[in-house]
């Protein structure tokens, strides 16, 4: 079953701990992590978008790229503002490029639970995954106000929104690839 809610892959970070753009690193059988994540999520969602500072991706000429409004600051809050400014959907599934092991069942469970909440995100026994879930248009004004106050903390947005945090047992699916060691561990 293909989902009509759009999916946006966040790929505009600085990758400072990696030392190079992690979205462009080869991953599994694909030329890049973004290509791997895009292909995987295309089997679940009918519309895939990539949020980035620039269009740096070459694996597909027909990509839907959402360019961040602010080119100098790397912040998921800026990405969220750009996403909701460009897409008019009520619900949008957001995930980072560096979480490529997310399972389809997890995504489906998040989607099933999202309709009563402005934000529905995942959690495992170690942490809450603030950028793995469904975000609703109703938070757009909050995003604008937080950015006006120079507050880029997604955690603050979540705590001040009608939200649901769903627990998942398999924490390995949430590996967040930030270092060379995490990259090697996930890319076995």
N, C-alpha and C. Protein backbone atom coordinates (compact mmCIF):
# COMPACT_ATOMS: atom_id res chain seq x y z
N UNK A 1 0.84 -1.18 0.00
CA UNK A 1 0.00 0.00 0.00
C UNK A 1 0.89 1.24 0.00
N UNK A 2 0.62 2.15 -0.91
CA UNK A 2 1.37 3.41 -1.01
C UNK A 2 0.60 4.49 -0.27
N UNK A 3 1.30 5.25 0.56
CA UNK A 3 0.72 6.28 1.41
C UNK A 3 0.65 7.61 0.67
N UNK A 4 -0.47 8.33 0.81
CA UNK A 4 -0.63 9.63 0.15
C UNK A 4 0.00 10.78 0.91
N UNK A 5 0.26 10.62 2.21
CA UNK A 5 0.94 11.67 2.96
C UNK A 5 2.34 11.83 2.37
N UNK A 6 2.76 13.06 2.06
CA UNK A 6 4.11 13.21 1.51
C UNK A 6 5.19 12.90 2.56
N UNK A 7 6.31 12.45 2.07
CA UNK A 7 7.47 12.17 2.91
C UNK A 7 8.57 13.15 2.52
N UNK A 8 9.20 13.76 3.53
CA UNK A 8 10.33 14.65 3.27
C UNK A 8 11.55 14.11 4.00
N UNK A 9 12.62 13.93 3.24
CA UNK A 9 13.90 13.48 3.79
C UNK A 9 14.75 14.72 4.03
N UNK A 10 15.15 14.92 5.28
CA UNK A 10 16.01 16.06 5.62
C UNK A 10 17.45 15.71 5.28
N UNK A 11 18.05 16.51 4.38
CA UNK A 11 19.42 16.24 3.93
C UNK A 11 20.22 17.54 3.78
N UNK A 12 19.94 18.51 4.64
CA UNK A 12 20.60 19.80 4.52
C UNK A 12 21.55 20.13 5.64
N UNK A 13 21.89 19.14 6.45
CA UNK A 13 22.78 19.39 7.59
C UNK A 13 24.22 19.58 7.18
N UNK A 14 25.03 20.00 8.14
CA UNK A 14 26.45 20.28 7.88
C UNK A 14 27.32 19.04 7.87
N UNK A 15 26.89 17.95 8.47
CA UNK A 15 27.67 16.71 8.57
C UNK A 15 29.04 16.97 9.22
N UNK A 16 29.08 17.86 10.19
CA UNK A 16 30.36 18.26 10.78
C UNK A 16 31.09 17.11 11.48
N UNK A 17 30.37 16.23 12.17
CA UNK A 17 31.02 15.11 12.85
C UNK A 17 31.53 14.07 11.85
N UNK A 18 30.89 13.98 10.68
CA UNK A 18 31.33 13.04 9.65
C UNK A 18 32.55 13.58 8.91
N UNK A 19 32.64 14.90 8.77
CA UNK A 19 33.76 15.50 8.05
C UNK A 19 33.52 15.62 6.56
N UNK A 20 32.41 15.12 6.08
CA UNK A 20 32.01 15.25 4.67
C UNK A 20 30.50 15.05 4.61
N UNK A 21 29.90 15.41 3.50
CA UNK A 21 28.45 15.34 3.36
C UNK A 21 27.98 13.89 3.40
N UNK A 22 27.38 13.50 4.52
CA UNK A 22 26.98 12.10 4.69
C UNK A 22 25.87 11.69 3.72
N UNK A 23 25.05 12.62 3.28
CA UNK A 23 23.98 12.26 2.36
C UNK A 23 24.53 11.74 1.03
N UNK A 24 25.77 12.11 0.70
CA UNK A 24 26.37 11.70 -0.57
C UNK A 24 27.31 10.50 -0.45
N UNK A 25 27.48 9.98 0.75
CA UNK A 25 28.33 8.79 0.93
C UNK A 25 27.64 7.55 0.37
N UNK A 26 28.38 6.63 -0.24
CA UNK A 26 27.76 5.38 -0.72
C UNK A 26 27.13 4.63 0.46
N UNK A 27 26.00 3.99 0.19
CA UNK A 27 25.34 3.24 1.26
C UNK A 27 24.71 1.98 0.68
N UNK A 28 25.06 0.84 1.30
CA UNK A 28 24.58 -0.48 0.85
C UNK A 28 24.84 -0.62 -0.65
N UNK A 29 23.80 -0.85 -1.43
CA UNK A 29 23.97 -1.07 -2.86
C UNK A 29 23.72 0.19 -3.69
N UNK A 30 23.65 1.35 -3.06
CA UNK A 30 23.35 2.60 -3.77
C UNK A 30 24.56 3.52 -3.77
N UNK A 31 24.55 4.46 -4.68
CA UNK A 31 25.68 5.39 -4.81
C UNK A 31 25.76 6.38 -3.66
N UNK A 32 24.63 6.57 -2.95
CA UNK A 32 24.62 7.53 -1.84
C UNK A 32 23.56 7.15 -0.81
N UNK A 33 23.72 7.70 0.39
CA UNK A 33 22.75 7.46 1.45
C UNK A 33 21.39 8.05 1.07
N UNK A 34 21.41 9.22 0.42
CA UNK A 34 20.13 9.83 0.02
C UNK A 34 19.44 8.97 -1.03
N UNK A 35 20.18 8.39 -1.95
CA UNK A 35 19.57 7.51 -2.95
C UNK A 35 18.98 6.28 -2.27
N UNK A 36 19.69 5.70 -1.31
CA UNK A 36 19.19 4.54 -0.57
C UNK A 36 17.89 4.89 0.15
N UNK A 37 17.92 5.98 0.89
CA UNK A 37 16.74 6.39 1.67
C UNK A 37 15.57 6.73 0.73
N UNK A 38 15.85 7.43 -0.35
CA UNK A 38 14.82 7.81 -1.32
C UNK A 38 14.15 6.56 -1.92
N UNK A 39 14.96 5.62 -2.38
CA UNK A 39 14.41 4.40 -2.99
C UNK A 39 13.60 3.58 -2.00
N UNK A 40 14.10 3.48 -0.78
CA UNK A 40 13.39 2.73 0.26
C UNK A 40 12.03 3.36 0.56
N UNK A 41 12.02 4.66 0.75
CA UNK A 41 10.78 5.35 1.11
C UNK A 41 9.81 5.48 -0.07
N UNK A 42 10.33 5.42 -1.29
CA UNK A 42 9.46 5.46 -2.49
C UNK A 42 8.56 4.25 -2.58
N UNK A 43 8.91 3.19 -1.88
CA UNK A 43 8.07 1.99 -1.85
C UNK A 43 6.93 2.13 -0.85
N UNK A 44 6.98 3.18 -0.04
CA UNK A 44 5.97 3.40 1.00
C UNK A 44 5.10 4.62 0.70
N UNK A 45 5.74 5.68 0.20
CA UNK A 45 5.06 6.97 -0.02
C UNK A 45 4.96 7.28 -1.51
N UNK A 46 3.83 7.87 -1.91
CA UNK A 46 3.67 8.23 -3.31
C UNK A 46 4.43 9.50 -3.68
N UNK A 47 4.68 10.37 -2.70
CA UNK A 47 5.40 11.62 -2.97
C UNK A 47 6.56 11.77 -2.00
N UNK A 48 7.77 11.80 -2.57
CA UNK A 48 8.98 11.96 -1.77
C UNK A 48 9.61 13.30 -2.14
N UNK A 49 9.98 14.05 -1.12
CA UNK A 49 10.67 15.32 -1.29
C UNK A 49 11.98 15.25 -0.50
N UNK A 50 12.95 16.04 -0.93
CA UNK A 50 14.22 16.15 -0.21
C UNK A 50 14.39 17.60 0.20
N UNK A 51 14.65 17.82 1.49
CA UNK A 51 14.91 19.15 2.02
C UNK A 51 16.42 19.33 2.12
N UNK A 52 16.92 20.41 1.51
CA UNK A 52 18.36 20.62 1.48
C UNK A 52 18.66 22.11 1.28
N UNK A 53 19.91 22.48 1.45
CA UNK A 53 20.34 23.86 1.20
C UNK A 53 20.49 24.11 -0.30
N UNK A 54 20.88 23.04 -1.03
CA UNK A 54 21.08 23.13 -2.48
C UNK A 54 20.64 21.82 -3.12
N UNK A 55 20.49 21.82 -4.42
CA UNK A 55 20.22 20.59 -5.15
C UNK A 55 21.56 19.98 -5.53
N UNK A 56 22.07 19.12 -4.67
CA UNK A 56 23.39 18.50 -4.85
C UNK A 56 23.28 17.04 -5.28
N UNK A 57 22.08 16.60 -5.64
CA UNK A 57 21.81 15.19 -5.86
C UNK A 57 21.73 14.88 -7.35
N UNK A 58 22.39 13.80 -7.77
CA UNK A 58 22.46 13.48 -9.20
C UNK A 58 21.87 12.11 -9.56
N UNK A 59 21.39 11.36 -8.58
CA UNK A 59 20.95 10.00 -8.86
C UNK A 59 19.61 9.93 -9.59
N UNK A 60 18.87 11.04 -9.62
CA UNK A 60 17.55 11.06 -10.26
C UNK A 60 17.29 12.49 -10.72
N UNK A 61 16.98 12.66 -12.00
CA UNK A 61 16.75 14.01 -12.54
C UNK A 61 15.38 14.57 -12.18
N UNK A 62 14.49 13.74 -11.67
CA UNK A 62 13.11 14.18 -11.38
C UNK A 62 12.84 14.33 -9.88
N UNK A 63 13.85 14.62 -9.09
CA UNK A 63 13.67 14.77 -7.65
C UNK A 63 12.89 16.04 -7.33
N UNK A 64 12.08 15.95 -6.28
CA UNK A 64 11.39 17.12 -5.74
C UNK A 64 12.24 17.65 -4.59
N UNK A 65 12.91 18.76 -4.82
CA UNK A 65 13.80 19.34 -3.82
C UNK A 65 13.13 20.56 -3.20
N UNK A 66 13.15 20.64 -1.88
CA UNK A 66 12.71 21.83 -1.16
C UNK A 66 13.97 22.49 -0.63
N UNK A 67 14.27 23.66 -1.15
CA UNK A 67 15.47 24.39 -0.76
C UNK A 67 15.16 25.20 0.50
N UNK A 68 16.02 25.05 1.51
CA UNK A 68 15.84 25.80 2.76
C UNK A 68 15.84 27.29 2.49
N UNK A 69 14.98 27.97 3.20
CA UNK A 69 14.85 29.42 3.08
C UNK A 69 16.12 30.14 3.52
N UNK A 70 16.76 29.65 4.54
CA UNK A 70 17.97 30.26 5.08
C UNK A 70 19.17 29.40 4.67
N UNK A 71 20.07 29.98 3.90
CA UNK A 71 21.21 29.21 3.37
C UNK A 71 22.40 29.18 4.32
N UNK A 72 22.41 30.03 5.34
CA UNK A 72 23.58 30.13 6.20
C UNK A 72 23.47 29.32 7.49
N UNK A 73 22.27 29.14 8.01
CA UNK A 73 22.09 28.40 9.26
C UNK A 73 21.54 27.01 8.94
N UNK A 74 22.21 25.98 9.45
CA UNK A 74 21.71 24.60 9.30
C UNK A 74 20.89 24.27 10.54
N UNK A 75 19.59 24.13 10.34
CA UNK A 75 18.68 23.89 11.46
C UNK A 75 17.46 23.14 10.97
N UNK A 76 17.08 22.07 11.68
CA UNK A 76 15.84 21.38 11.30
C UNK A 76 14.62 22.29 11.37
N UNK A 77 14.64 23.29 12.25
CA UNK A 77 13.51 24.22 12.34
C UNK A 77 13.37 25.03 11.06
N UNK A 78 14.49 25.45 10.49
CA UNK A 78 14.47 26.17 9.22
C UNK A 78 13.96 25.24 8.12
N UNK A 79 14.39 23.99 8.16
CA UNK A 79 13.90 23.01 7.18
C UNK A 79 12.38 22.84 7.30
N UNK A 80 11.87 22.72 8.53
CA UNK A 80 10.42 22.57 8.73
C UNK A 80 9.67 23.79 8.20
N UNK A 81 10.20 24.98 8.44
CA UNK A 81 9.54 26.19 7.92
C UNK A 81 9.47 26.14 6.39
N UNK A 82 10.59 25.80 5.76
CA UNK A 82 10.62 25.72 4.30
C UNK A 82 9.67 24.65 3.77
N UNK A 83 9.60 23.53 4.46
CA UNK A 83 8.72 22.43 4.04
C UNK A 83 7.27 22.87 4.08
N UNK A 84 6.84 23.44 5.21
CA UNK A 84 5.43 23.84 5.31
C UNK A 84 5.10 25.05 4.44
N UNK A 85 6.09 25.88 4.14
CA UNK A 85 5.85 27.01 3.23
C UNK A 85 5.64 26.49 1.80
N UNK A 86 6.32 25.41 1.44
CA UNK A 86 6.24 24.88 0.08
C UNK A 86 5.16 23.83 -0.14
N UNK A 87 4.89 23.02 0.87
CA UNK A 87 3.87 21.97 0.74
C UNK A 87 2.62 22.41 1.48
N UNK A 88 1.49 22.18 0.91
CA UNK A 88 0.22 22.63 1.52
C UNK A 88 -0.54 21.49 2.20
N UNK A 89 0.08 20.33 2.30
CA UNK A 89 -0.57 19.18 2.93
C UNK A 89 -0.74 19.42 4.43
N UNK A 90 -1.77 18.78 4.99
CA UNK A 90 -2.01 18.90 6.43
C UNK A 90 -1.01 18.08 7.23
N UNK A 91 -0.66 16.90 6.76
CA UNK A 91 0.27 16.00 7.45
C UNK A 91 1.45 15.69 6.52
N UNK A 92 2.66 15.68 7.12
CA UNK A 92 3.87 15.38 6.36
C UNK A 92 4.75 14.47 7.21
N UNK A 93 5.20 13.36 6.61
CA UNK A 93 6.14 12.48 7.31
C UNK A 93 7.55 13.03 7.09
N UNK A 94 8.27 13.24 8.21
CA UNK A 94 9.62 13.80 8.18
C UNK A 94 10.59 12.75 8.70
N UNK A 95 11.71 12.60 8.01
CA UNK A 95 12.77 11.70 8.47
C UNK A 95 14.11 12.25 7.98
N UNK A 96 15.16 11.98 8.72
CA UNK A 96 16.48 12.43 8.31
C UNK A 96 17.13 11.42 7.38
N UNK A 97 18.02 11.92 6.55
CA UNK A 97 18.75 11.04 5.63
C UNK A 97 19.62 10.05 6.38
N UNK A 98 20.07 10.44 7.57
CA UNK A 98 21.02 9.60 8.31
C UNK A 98 20.35 8.60 9.24
N UNK A 99 19.08 8.29 8.96
CA UNK A 99 18.36 7.23 9.68
C UNK A 99 17.85 6.21 8.64
N UNK A 100 18.75 5.59 7.89
CA UNK A 100 18.32 4.76 6.75
C UNK A 100 17.79 3.37 7.10
N UNK A 101 17.91 2.97 8.36
CA UNK A 101 17.50 1.61 8.72
C UNK A 101 16.08 1.54 9.30
N UNK A 102 15.36 2.64 9.25
CA UNK A 102 13.99 2.69 9.76
C UNK A 102 13.15 1.60 9.07
N UNK A 103 12.31 0.95 9.84
CA UNK A 103 11.51 -0.16 9.30
C UNK A 103 10.14 0.31 8.83
N UNK A 104 9.64 -0.36 7.82
CA UNK A 104 8.34 -0.02 7.24
C UNK A 104 7.22 -0.13 8.29
N UNK A 105 7.27 -1.14 9.14
CA UNK A 105 6.24 -1.30 10.17
C UNK A 105 6.23 -0.13 11.14
N UNK A 106 7.40 0.39 11.45
CA UNK A 106 7.49 1.55 12.34
C UNK A 106 6.83 2.75 11.68
N UNK A 107 7.14 2.98 10.43
CA UNK A 107 6.52 4.10 9.69
C UNK A 107 5.00 3.93 9.67
N UNK A 108 4.53 2.72 9.38
CA UNK A 108 3.09 2.47 9.33
C UNK A 108 2.43 2.72 10.68
N UNK A 109 3.09 2.33 11.77
CA UNK A 109 2.52 2.57 13.10
C UNK A 109 2.47 4.05 13.44
N UNK A 110 3.48 4.79 13.04
CA UNK A 110 3.46 6.24 13.25
C UNK A 110 2.31 6.86 12.46
N UNK A 111 2.16 6.44 11.22
CA UNK A 111 1.09 6.98 10.36
C UNK A 111 -0.30 6.65 10.92
N UNK A 112 -0.48 5.46 11.45
CA UNK A 112 -1.77 5.08 12.02
C UNK A 112 -2.14 5.92 13.24
N UNK A 113 -1.14 6.39 13.95
CA UNK A 113 -1.37 7.11 15.21
C UNK A 113 -1.36 8.62 15.08
N UNK A 114 -1.16 9.16 13.90
CA UNK A 114 -0.88 10.59 13.76
C UNK A 114 -2.10 11.50 13.68
N UNK A 115 -3.28 10.97 13.49
CA UNK A 115 -4.41 11.83 13.12
C UNK A 115 -4.97 12.69 14.24
N UNK A 116 -4.72 12.35 15.49
CA UNK A 116 -5.23 13.15 16.61
C UNK A 116 -4.21 14.14 17.14
N UNK A 117 -3.02 14.16 16.52
CA UNK A 117 -1.92 14.94 17.08
C UNK A 117 -1.30 15.84 16.01
N UNK A 118 -0.68 16.92 16.49
CA UNK A 118 0.05 17.80 15.58
C UNK A 118 1.43 17.23 15.25
N UNK A 119 2.00 16.49 16.19
CA UNK A 119 3.30 15.85 15.98
C UNK A 119 3.22 14.45 16.57
N UNK A 120 3.63 13.44 15.78
CA UNK A 120 3.71 12.06 16.24
C UNK A 120 5.09 11.56 15.88
N UNK A 121 5.88 11.23 16.90
CA UNK A 121 7.27 10.84 16.67
C UNK A 121 7.60 9.53 17.38
N UNK A 122 8.76 8.98 17.02
CA UNK A 122 9.20 7.69 17.54
C UNK A 122 10.14 7.84 18.72
N UNK A 123 10.18 6.78 19.53
CA UNK A 123 11.07 6.69 20.68
C UNK A 123 11.50 5.24 20.83
N UNK A 124 12.74 5.04 21.27
CA UNK A 124 13.17 3.71 21.67
C UNK A 124 13.62 3.79 23.12
N UNK A 125 14.22 2.74 23.65
CA UNK A 125 14.58 2.74 25.07
C UNK A 125 15.66 3.77 25.40
N UNK A 126 16.38 4.25 24.40
CA UNK A 126 17.48 5.19 24.63
C UNK A 126 17.12 6.66 24.43
N UNK A 127 16.27 6.94 23.47
CA UNK A 127 15.99 8.35 23.18
C UNK A 127 14.73 8.55 22.34
N UNK A 128 14.28 9.80 22.34
CA UNK A 128 13.18 10.23 21.48
C UNK A 128 13.79 10.68 20.16
N UNK A 129 13.18 10.29 19.06
CA UNK A 129 13.68 10.64 17.73
C UNK A 129 12.80 11.77 17.16
N UNK A 130 13.22 12.99 17.47
CA UNK A 130 12.43 14.18 17.15
C UNK A 130 12.17 14.39 15.67
N UNK A 131 13.01 13.80 14.83
CA UNK A 131 12.85 14.00 13.39
C UNK A 131 12.56 12.69 12.67
N UNK A 132 11.69 11.92 13.29
CA UNK A 132 11.19 10.68 12.68
C UNK A 132 9.72 10.59 13.03
N UNK A 133 8.88 11.19 12.19
CA UNK A 133 7.46 11.17 12.49
C UNK A 133 6.64 12.06 11.60
N UNK A 134 5.41 12.23 12.00
CA UNK A 134 4.45 13.04 11.23
C UNK A 134 4.28 14.39 11.91
N UNK A 135 4.40 15.43 11.11
CA UNK A 135 4.21 16.80 11.57
C UNK A 135 3.02 17.39 10.82
N UNK A 136 2.20 18.18 11.52
CA UNK A 136 0.98 18.74 10.94
C UNK A 136 1.12 20.24 10.68
N UNK A 137 0.38 20.70 9.71
CA UNK A 137 0.38 22.12 9.34
C UNK A 137 0.04 23.02 10.52
N UNK A 138 -0.70 22.52 11.49
CA UNK A 138 -1.09 23.33 12.65
C UNK A 138 0.08 23.87 13.45
N UNK A 139 1.29 23.34 13.26
CA UNK A 139 2.45 23.82 14.01
C UNK A 139 3.20 24.94 13.28
N UNK A 140 2.76 25.28 12.07
CA UNK A 140 3.51 26.25 11.25
C UNK A 140 3.66 27.60 11.95
N UNK A 141 2.61 28.09 12.57
CA UNK A 141 2.70 29.38 13.28
C UNK A 141 3.70 29.28 14.43
N UNK A 142 3.71 28.15 15.14
CA UNK A 142 4.70 27.95 16.21
C UNK A 142 6.12 27.99 15.66
N UNK A 143 6.32 27.36 14.51
CA UNK A 143 7.65 27.35 13.87
C UNK A 143 8.09 28.78 13.55
N UNK A 144 7.19 29.55 12.94
CA UNK A 144 7.51 30.94 12.58
C UNK A 144 7.88 31.74 13.83
N UNK A 145 7.09 31.59 14.88
CA UNK A 145 7.35 32.33 16.12
C UNK A 145 8.67 31.92 16.77
N UNK A 146 8.96 30.63 16.76
CA UNK A 146 10.23 30.17 17.33
C UNK A 146 11.42 30.73 16.54
N UNK A 147 11.31 30.73 15.22
CA UNK A 147 12.39 31.28 14.40
C UNK A 147 12.55 32.78 14.62
N UNK A 148 11.44 33.50 14.81
CA UNK A 148 11.54 34.94 15.12
C UNK A 148 12.30 35.16 16.41
N UNK A 149 12.16 34.24 17.36
CA UNK A 149 12.87 34.31 18.65
C UNK A 149 14.25 33.66 18.58
N UNK A 150 14.67 33.26 17.37
CA UNK A 150 15.95 32.59 17.15
C UNK A 150 16.06 31.28 17.96
N UNK A 151 14.93 30.61 18.13
CA UNK A 151 14.88 29.34 18.83
C UNK A 151 14.78 28.23 17.78
N UNK A 152 15.81 27.41 17.69
CA UNK A 152 15.87 26.36 16.68
C UNK A 152 15.70 24.97 17.28
N UNK A 153 15.23 24.89 18.50
CA UNK A 153 15.13 23.62 19.22
C UNK A 153 13.81 22.88 18.90
N UNK A 154 13.95 21.79 18.17
CA UNK A 154 12.79 20.97 17.80
C UNK A 154 12.10 20.44 19.06
N UNK A 155 12.88 20.12 20.08
CA UNK A 155 12.32 19.62 21.32
C UNK A 155 11.33 20.63 21.93
N UNK A 156 11.65 21.89 21.84
CA UNK A 156 10.77 22.95 22.35
C UNK A 156 9.47 22.98 21.54
N UNK A 157 9.58 22.86 20.24
CA UNK A 157 8.39 22.81 19.37
C UNK A 157 7.50 21.63 19.75
N UNK A 158 8.09 20.48 19.96
CA UNK A 158 7.32 19.28 20.31
C UNK A 158 6.62 19.45 21.65
N UNK A 159 7.35 19.88 22.66
CA UNK A 159 6.77 20.04 24.00
C UNK A 159 5.63 21.05 24.04
N UNK A 160 5.65 22.01 23.11
CA UNK A 160 4.62 23.04 23.08
C UNK A 160 3.59 22.81 21.98
N UNK A 161 3.46 21.55 21.56
CA UNK A 161 2.48 21.15 20.56
C UNK A 161 1.71 19.94 21.08
N UNK A 162 0.55 19.70 20.50
CA UNK A 162 -0.22 18.50 20.80
C UNK A 162 0.53 17.34 20.16
N UNK A 163 1.21 16.53 20.96
CA UNK A 163 2.08 15.50 20.40
C UNK A 163 1.87 14.13 21.04
N UNK A 164 2.35 13.14 20.32
CA UNK A 164 2.33 11.75 20.77
C UNK A 164 3.71 11.16 20.48
N UNK A 165 4.26 10.48 21.47
CA UNK A 165 5.54 9.80 21.30
C UNK A 165 5.28 8.31 21.38
N UNK A 166 5.59 7.60 20.32
CA UNK A 166 5.35 6.16 20.23
C UNK A 166 6.62 5.39 20.52
N UNK A 167 6.51 4.37 21.36
CA UNK A 167 7.66 3.56 21.73
C UNK A 167 7.82 2.38 20.78
N UNK A 168 9.10 2.12 20.38
CA UNK A 168 9.44 0.98 19.55
C UNK A 168 10.62 0.24 20.19
N UNK A 169 10.54 -1.09 20.21
CA UNK A 169 11.56 -1.92 20.85
C UNK A 169 12.90 -1.91 20.10
N UNK A 170 12.86 -1.99 18.80
CA UNK A 170 14.08 -2.16 18.01
C UNK A 170 14.82 -0.83 17.84
N UNK A 171 15.76 -0.55 18.74
CA UNK A 171 16.48 0.71 18.64
C UNK A 171 17.50 0.73 17.50
N UNK A 172 17.88 -0.43 16.98
CA UNK A 172 18.86 -0.48 15.88
C UNK A 172 18.34 0.21 14.62
N UNK A 173 17.05 0.20 14.42
CA UNK A 173 16.48 0.85 13.23
C UNK A 173 16.63 2.38 13.28
N UNK A 174 16.88 2.92 14.46
CA UNK A 174 16.99 4.36 14.62
C UNK A 174 18.43 4.85 14.64
N UNK A 175 19.38 3.98 14.26
CA UNK A 175 20.77 4.43 14.25
C UNK A 175 20.86 5.73 13.46
N UNK A 176 21.50 6.69 14.06
CA UNK A 176 21.67 8.00 13.45
C UNK A 176 23.13 8.11 13.06
N UNK A 177 23.39 8.13 11.78
CA UNK A 177 24.76 8.06 11.27
C UNK A 177 25.39 9.45 11.27
N UNK A 178 26.25 9.69 12.25
CA UNK A 178 26.93 10.98 12.36
C UNK A 178 28.44 10.88 12.26
N UNK A 179 29.00 9.71 12.53
CA UNK A 179 30.45 9.53 12.53
C UNK A 179 30.84 8.41 11.56
N UNK A 180 32.13 8.33 11.27
CA UNK A 180 32.63 7.26 10.39
C UNK A 180 32.35 5.87 11.00
N UNK A 181 32.45 5.76 12.34
CA UNK A 181 32.20 4.47 12.99
C UNK A 181 30.73 4.07 12.85
N UNK A 182 29.82 5.01 13.05
CA UNK A 182 28.39 4.73 12.89
C UNK A 182 28.08 4.38 11.43
N UNK A 183 28.72 5.06 10.52
CA UNK A 183 28.55 4.80 9.09
C UNK A 183 28.99 3.36 8.75
N UNK A 184 30.14 2.97 9.24
CA UNK A 184 30.64 1.62 8.98
C UNK A 184 29.74 0.56 9.61
N UNK A 185 29.28 0.82 10.83
CA UNK A 185 28.39 -0.12 11.54
C UNK A 185 27.06 -0.31 10.78
N UNK A 186 26.48 0.78 10.28
CA UNK A 186 25.20 0.71 9.59
C UNK A 186 25.32 0.19 8.17
N UNK A 187 26.47 0.33 7.58
CA UNK A 187 26.68 0.01 6.16
C UNK A 187 27.31 -1.37 5.97
N UNK A 188 27.13 -2.27 6.94
CA UNK A 188 27.72 -3.61 6.84
C UNK A 188 27.05 -4.45 5.80
